[in-house]
Amino acid sequence: MTQEEFKDEVGRLRPKLLGVARRYVGDEDAEDVVQDVLLRLWQMLAELRLPIDALASVLTRNMAVSLLRRQPRPQPDASMMADEADAGDDERLARILSVIEGLPPLQQTILRLRHMEGMELRDIAALTGSSEVAVRKALSRARQAVRLQYMKRYDK
């Protein structure tokens, strides 16, 4: 990939990557995550081939998750627990995400790419090096596992 192609791709992808990063780390750290991703892509310039959308999205997600893992987690207190009772849908989403975190890495990745990033099955298959049928089956198994684990943990 040439430097001009890279600049064009970055200009096109930057808003999408910012959106991905914001979903994970919020507004304040999203710009830093995207800058780190673009730096890493620049370092890989000689090996890159168009399109780089999927690679850039996965790198953004991975860097955002790494940033979240490095940050200390706040300990729950009474006010946080009161806020959680009011959360409703946010609480349900947090529960689902905690169930997803317990899945095997490939199933987590496929679920996130499909439902959070909105990627097509053929793109996920190309990214993971699998067939479209294998991705569809893994996605189905991941959904089923999330459903069963959610029911086991929270629908008592």
C-alpha atoms as a PDB file:
ATOM      1  CA  MET A   1       0.000   0.000   0.000  1.00  0.00           C
ATOM      2  CA  THR A   2       1.305   3.446  -0.832  1.00  0.00           C
ATOM      3  CA  GLN A   3       1.339   6.389   1.544  1.00  0.00           C
ATOM      4  CA  GLU A   4      -1.352   8.143  -0.485  1.00  0.00           C
ATOM      5  CA  GLU A   5      -3.635   5.097  -0.354  1.00  0.00           C
ATOM      6  CA  PHE A   6      -3.029   4.890   3.379  1.00  0.00           C
ATOM      7  CA  LYS A   7      -3.944   8.550   3.879  1.00  0.00           C
ATOM      8  CA  ASP A   8      -7.143   8.099   1.854  1.00  0.00           C
ATOM      9  CA  GLU A   9      -8.106   4.968   3.823  1.00  0.00           C
ATOM     10  CA  VAL A  10      -7.386   6.634   7.158  1.00  0.00           C
ATOM     11  CA  GLY A  11      -9.521   9.633   6.214  1.00  0.00           C
ATOM     12  CA  ARG A  12     -12.365   7.316   5.319  1.00  0.00           C
ATOM     13  CA  LEU A  13     -11.999   4.951   8.299  1.00  0.00           C
ATOM     14  CA  ARG A  14     -11.236   7.380  11.122  1.00  0.00           C
ATOM     15  CA  PRO A  15     -14.902   8.207  12.001  1.00  0.00           C
ATOM     16  CA  LYS A  16     -15.808   4.512  12.041  1.00  0.00           C
ATOM     17  CA  LEU A  17     -12.809   3.664  14.242  1.00  0.00           C
ATOM     18  CA  LEU A  18     -13.695   6.488  16.625  1.00  0.00           C
ATOM     19  CA  GLY A  19     -17.186   5.041  16.916  1.00  0.00           C
ATOM     20  CA  VAL A  20     -15.811   1.593  17.700  1.00  0.00           C
ATOM     21  CA  ALA A  21     -13.429   2.990  20.316  1.00  0.00           C
ATOM     22  CA  ARG A  22     -16.161   5.131  21.924  1.00  0.00           C
ATOM     23  CA  ARG A  23     -18.355   2.067  22.427  1.00  0.00           C
ATOM     24  CA  TYR A  24     -15.618   0.501  24.521  1.00  0.00           C
ATOM     25  CA  VAL A  25     -13.769   3.327  26.289  1.00  0.00           C
ATOM     26  CA  GLY A  26     -15.949   6.429  26.004  1.00  0.00           C
ATOM     27  CA  ASP A  27     -15.241   9.799  24.432  1.00  0.00           C
ATOM     28  CA  GLU A  28     -12.179  10.797  26.433  1.00  0.00           C
ATOM     29  CA  ASP A  29      -9.948   7.815  25.526  1.00  0.00           C
ATOM     30  CA  ALA A  30     -11.336   7.000  22.067  1.00  0.00           C
ATOM     31  CA  GLU A  31      -9.061   9.447  20.258  1.00  0.00           C
ATOM     32  CA  ASP A  32      -5.963   7.958  21.937  1.00  0.00           C
ATOM     33  CA  VAL A  33      -6.991   4.429  20.994  1.00  0.00           C
ATOM     34  CA  VAL A  34      -7.546   5.416  17.343  1.00  0.00           C
ATOM     35  CA  GLN A  35      -4.199   7.209  17.223  1.00  0.00           C
ATOM     36  CA  ASP A  36      -2.468   4.071  18.539  1.00  0.00           C
ATOM     37  CA  VAL A  37      -4.244   1.962  15.917  1.00  0.00           C
ATOM     38  CA  LEU A  38      -3.249   4.318  13.106  1.00  0.00           C
ATOM     39  CA  LEU A  39       0.348   4.287  14.311  1.00  0.00           C
ATOM     40  CA  ARG A  40       0.370   0.495  14.331  1.00  0.00           C
ATOM     41  CA  LEU A  41      -1.143   0.413  10.832  1.00  0.00           C
ATOM     42  CA  TRP A  42       1.456   2.941   9.641  1.00  0.00           C
ATOM     43  CA  GLN A  43       4.193   0.660  10.970  1.00  0.00           C
ATOM     44  CA  MET A  44       2.657  -2.189   8.957  1.00  0.00           C
ATOM     45  CA  LEU A  45       2.317  -0.071   5.800  1.00  0.00           C
ATOM     46  CA  ALA A  46       4.570  -2.267   3.637  1.00  0.00           C
ATOM     47  CA  GLU A  47       2.498  -5.392   4.392  1.00  0.00           C
ATOM     48  CA  LEU A  48      -0.971  -3.823   4.157  1.00  0.00           C
ATOM     49  CA  ARG A  49      -3.353  -4.507   1.303  1.00  0.00           C
ATOM     50  CA  LEU A  50      -6.685  -2.819   0.617  1.00  0.00           C
ATOM     51  CA  PRO A  51      -9.232  -2.929   2.160  1.00  0.00           C
ATOM     52  CA  ILE A  52      -8.027  -2.513   5.758  1.00  0.00           C
ATOM     53  CA  ASP A  53     -11.451  -1.935   7.364  1.00  0.00           C
ATOM     54  CA  ALA A  54     -11.675  -5.258   9.179  1.00  0.00           C
ATOM     55  CA  LEU A  55      -8.085  -5.191  10.402  1.00  0.00           C
ATOM     56  CA  ALA A  56      -8.416  -1.609  11.634  1.00  0.00           C
ATOM     57  CA  SER A  57     -11.691  -2.386  13.438  1.00  0.00           C
ATOM     58  CA  VAL A  58     -10.257  -5.445  15.161  1.00  0.00           C
ATOM     59  CA  LEU A  59      -7.117  -3.552  16.162  1.00  0.00           C
ATOM     60  CA  THR A  60      -9.268  -0.753  17.570  1.00  0.00           C
ATOM     61  CA  ARG A  61     -11.383  -3.184  19.562  1.00  0.00           C
ATOM     62  CA  ASN A  62      -8.340  -5.021  20.888  1.00  0.00           C
ATOM     63  CA  MET A  63      -6.549  -1.829  21.905  1.00  0.00           C
ATOM     64  CA  ALA A  64      -9.671  -0.475  23.591  1.00  0.00           C
ATOM     65  CA  VAL A  65     -10.130  -3.711  25.533  1.00  0.00           C
ATOM     66  CA  SER A  66      -6.444  -3.659  26.507  1.00  0.00           C
ATOM     67  CA  LEU A  67      -6.856  -0.107  27.780  1.00  0.00           C
ATOM     68  CA  LEU A  68      -9.899  -1.137  29.819  1.00  0.00           C
ATOM     69  CA  ARG A  69      -8.019  -4.069  31.335  1.00  0.00           C
ATOM     70  CA  ARG A  70      -5.166  -1.789  32.422  1.00  0.00           C
ATOM     71  CA  GLN A  71      -7.526   0.586  34.247  1.00  0.00           C
ATOM     72  CA  PRO A  72      -8.348  -0.211  37.886  1.00  0.00           C
ATOM     73  CA  ARG A  73     -11.921  -1.253  38.528  1.00  0.00           C
ATOM     74  CA  PRO A  74     -13.873   0.754  41.084  1.00  0.00           C
ATOM     75  CA  GLN A  75     -15.125  -1.169  44.089  1.00  0.00           C
ATOM     76  CA  PRO A  76     -18.923  -1.166  44.358  1.00  0.00           C
ATOM     77  CA  ASP A  77     -20.468   0.894  47.144  1.00  0.00           C
ATOM     78  CA  ALA A  78     -24.018   1.540  48.280  1.00  0.00           C
ATOM     79  CA  SER A  79     -24.596   4.431  45.848  1.00  0.00           C
ATOM     80  CA  MET A  80     -23.369   2.361  42.894  1.00  0.00           C
ATOM     81  CA  MET A  81     -25.705  -0.465  43.884  1.00  0.00           C
ATOM     82  CA  ALA A  82     -28.637   1.978  44.086  1.00  0.00           C
ATOM     83  CA  ASP A  83     -27.786   3.287  40.609  1.00  0.00           C
ATOM     84  CA  GLU A  84     -27.629  -0.288  39.348  1.00  0.00           C
ATOM     85  CA  ALA A  85     -31.178  -0.942  40.553  1.00  0.00           C
ATOM     86  CA  ASP A  86     -32.349   1.990  38.414  1.00  0.00           C
ATOM     87  CA  ALA A  87     -30.341   0.947  35.397  1.00  0.00           C
ATOM     88  CA  GLY A  88     -32.869  -1.506  33.910  1.00  0.00           C
ATOM     89  CA  ASP A  89     -31.719  -2.058  30.329  1.00  0.00           C
ATOM     90  CA  ASP A  90     -28.159  -1.042  31.168  1.00  0.00           C
ATOM     91  CA  GLU A  91     -28.064  -3.744  33.819  1.00  0.00           C
ATOM     92  CA  ARG A  92     -29.340  -6.354  31.386  1.00  0.00           C
ATOM     93  CA  LEU A  93     -26.744  -5.304  28.812  1.00  0.00           C
ATOM     94  CA  ALA A  94     -23.991  -5.471  31.421  1.00  0.00           C
ATOM     95  CA  ARG A  95     -25.140  -8.961  32.378  1.00  0.00           C
ATOM     96  CA  ILE A  96     -25.107 -10.092  28.762  1.00  0.00           C
ATOM     97  CA  LEU A  97     -21.629  -8.636  28.251  1.00  0.00           C
ATOM     98  CA  SER A  98     -20.384 -10.439  31.366  1.00  0.00           C
ATOM     99  CA  VAL A  99     -21.756 -13.699  29.984  1.00  0.00           C
ATOM    100  CA  ILE A 100     -20.051 -13.015  26.641  1.00  0.00           C
ATOM    101  CA  GLU A 101     -16.733 -12.472  28.446  1.00  0.00           C
ATOM    102  CA  GLY A 102     -16.976 -16.064  29.688  1.00  0.00           C
ATOM    103  CA  LEU A 103     -17.164 -17.504  26.171  1.00  0.00           C
ATOM    104  CA  PRO A 104     -14.161 -18.954  24.343  1.00  0.00           C
ATOM    105  CA  PRO A 105     -12.144 -16.233  22.554  1.00  0.00           C
ATOM    106  CA  LEU A 106     -13.227 -17.160  19.023  1.00  0.00           C
ATOM    107  CA  GLN A 107     -16.919 -17.118  19.951  1.00  0.00           C
ATOM    108  CA  GLN A 108     -16.465 -13.777  21.732  1.00  0.00           C
ATOM    109  CA  THR A 109     -14.751 -12.319  18.700  1.00  0.00           C
ATOM    110  CA  ILE A 110     -17.369 -13.584  16.259  1.00  0.00           C
ATOM    111  CA  LEU A 111     -20.253 -12.307  18.423  1.00  0.00           C
ATOM    112  CA  ARG A 112     -18.671  -8.888  18.827  1.00  0.00           C
ATOM    113  CA  LEU A 113     -17.777  -8.553  15.146  1.00  0.00           C
ATOM    114  CA  ARG A 114     -21.268  -9.551  14.055  1.00  0.00           C
ATOM    115  CA  HIS A 115     -23.424  -7.732  16.591  1.00  0.00           C
ATOM    116  CA  MET A 116     -21.303  -4.803  17.787  1.00  0.00           C
ATOM    117  CA  GLU A 117     -19.376  -4.050  14.630  1.00  0.00           C
ATOM    118  CA  GLY A 118     -22.119  -5.133  12.224  1.00  0.00           C
ATOM    119  CA  MET A 119     -19.743  -7.129  10.019  1.00  0.00           C
ATOM    120  CA  GLU A 120     -21.015  -9.565   7.425  1.00  0.00           C
ATOM    121  CA  LEU A 121     -20.372 -13.287   7.874  1.00  0.00           C
ATOM    122  CA  ARG A 122     -18.128 -13.463   4.815  1.00  0.00           C
ATOM    123  CA  ASP A 123     -15.943 -10.652   6.202  1.00  0.00           C
ATOM    124  CA  ILE A 124     -15.703 -12.364   9.588  1.00  0.00           C
ATOM    125  CA  ALA A 125     -14.783 -15.606   7.831  1.00  0.00           C
ATOM    126  CA  ALA A 126     -12.018 -13.877   5.901  1.00  0.00           C
ATOM    127  CA  LEU A 127     -10.740 -12.198   9.046  1.00  0.00           C
ATOM    128  CA  THR A 128     -10.706 -15.384  11.128  1.00  0.00           C
ATOM    129  CA  GLY A 129      -9.463 -17.620   8.321  1.00  0.00           C
ATOM    130  CA  SER A 130     -12.566 -19.815   8.538  1.00  0.00           C
ATOM    131  CA  SER A 131     -15.318 -20.683   6.143  1.00  0.00           C
ATOM    132  CA  GLU A 132     -18.592 -18.792   6.206  1.00  0.00           C
ATOM    133  CA  VAL A 133     -20.374 -21.972   7.311  1.00  0.00           C
ATOM    134  CA  ALA A 134     -17.966 -22.390  10.250  1.00  0.00           C
ATOM    135  CA  VAL A 135     -18.522 -18.771  11.294  1.00  0.00           C
ATOM    136  CA  ARG A 136     -22.300 -19.194  11.085  1.00  0.00           C
ATOM    137  CA  LYS A 137     -22.110 -22.337  13.217  1.00  0.00           C
ATOM    138  CA  ALA A 138     -19.786 -20.700  15.774  1.00  0.00           C
ATOM    139  CA  LEU A 139     -22.101 -17.678  15.935  1.00  0.00           C
ATOM    140  CA  SER A 140     -25.089 -19.936  16.512  1.00  0.00           C
ATOM    141  CA  ARG A 141     -23.279 -21.833  19.268  1.00  0.00           C
ATOM    142  CA  ALA A 142     -22.146 -18.582  20.877  1.00  0.00           C
ATOM    143  CA  ARG A 143     -25.696 -17.197  20.909  1.00  0.00           C
ATOM    144  CA  GLN A 144     -26.988 -20.424  22.395  1.00  0.00           C
ATOM    145  CA  ALA A 145     -24.260 -20.408  25.057  1.00  0.00           C
ATOM    146  CA  VAL A 146     -25.065 -16.791  25.971  1.00  0.00           C
ATOM    147  CA  ARG A 147     -28.760 -17.594  26.232  1.00  0.00           C
ATOM    148  CA  LEU A 148     -28.168 -20.664  28.438  1.00  0.00           C
ATOM    149  CA  GLN A 149     -25.599 -18.967  30.698  1.00  0.00           C
ATOM    150  CA  TYR A 150     -27.798 -15.882  31.091  1.00  0.00           C
ATOM    151  CA  MET A 151     -30.769 -18.011  32.077  1.00  0.00           C
ATOM    152  CA  LYS A 152     -28.643 -20.047  34.472  1.00  0.00           C
ATOM    153  CA  ARG A 153     -27.142 -16.976  36.167  1.00  0.00           C
ATOM    154  CA  TYR A 154     -29.963 -14.447  36.165  1.00  0.00           C
ATOM    155  CA  ASP A 155     -33.354 -16.103  35.537  1.00  0.00           C
ATOM    156  CA  LYS A 156     -33.747 -17.970  38.804  1.00  0.00           C
END
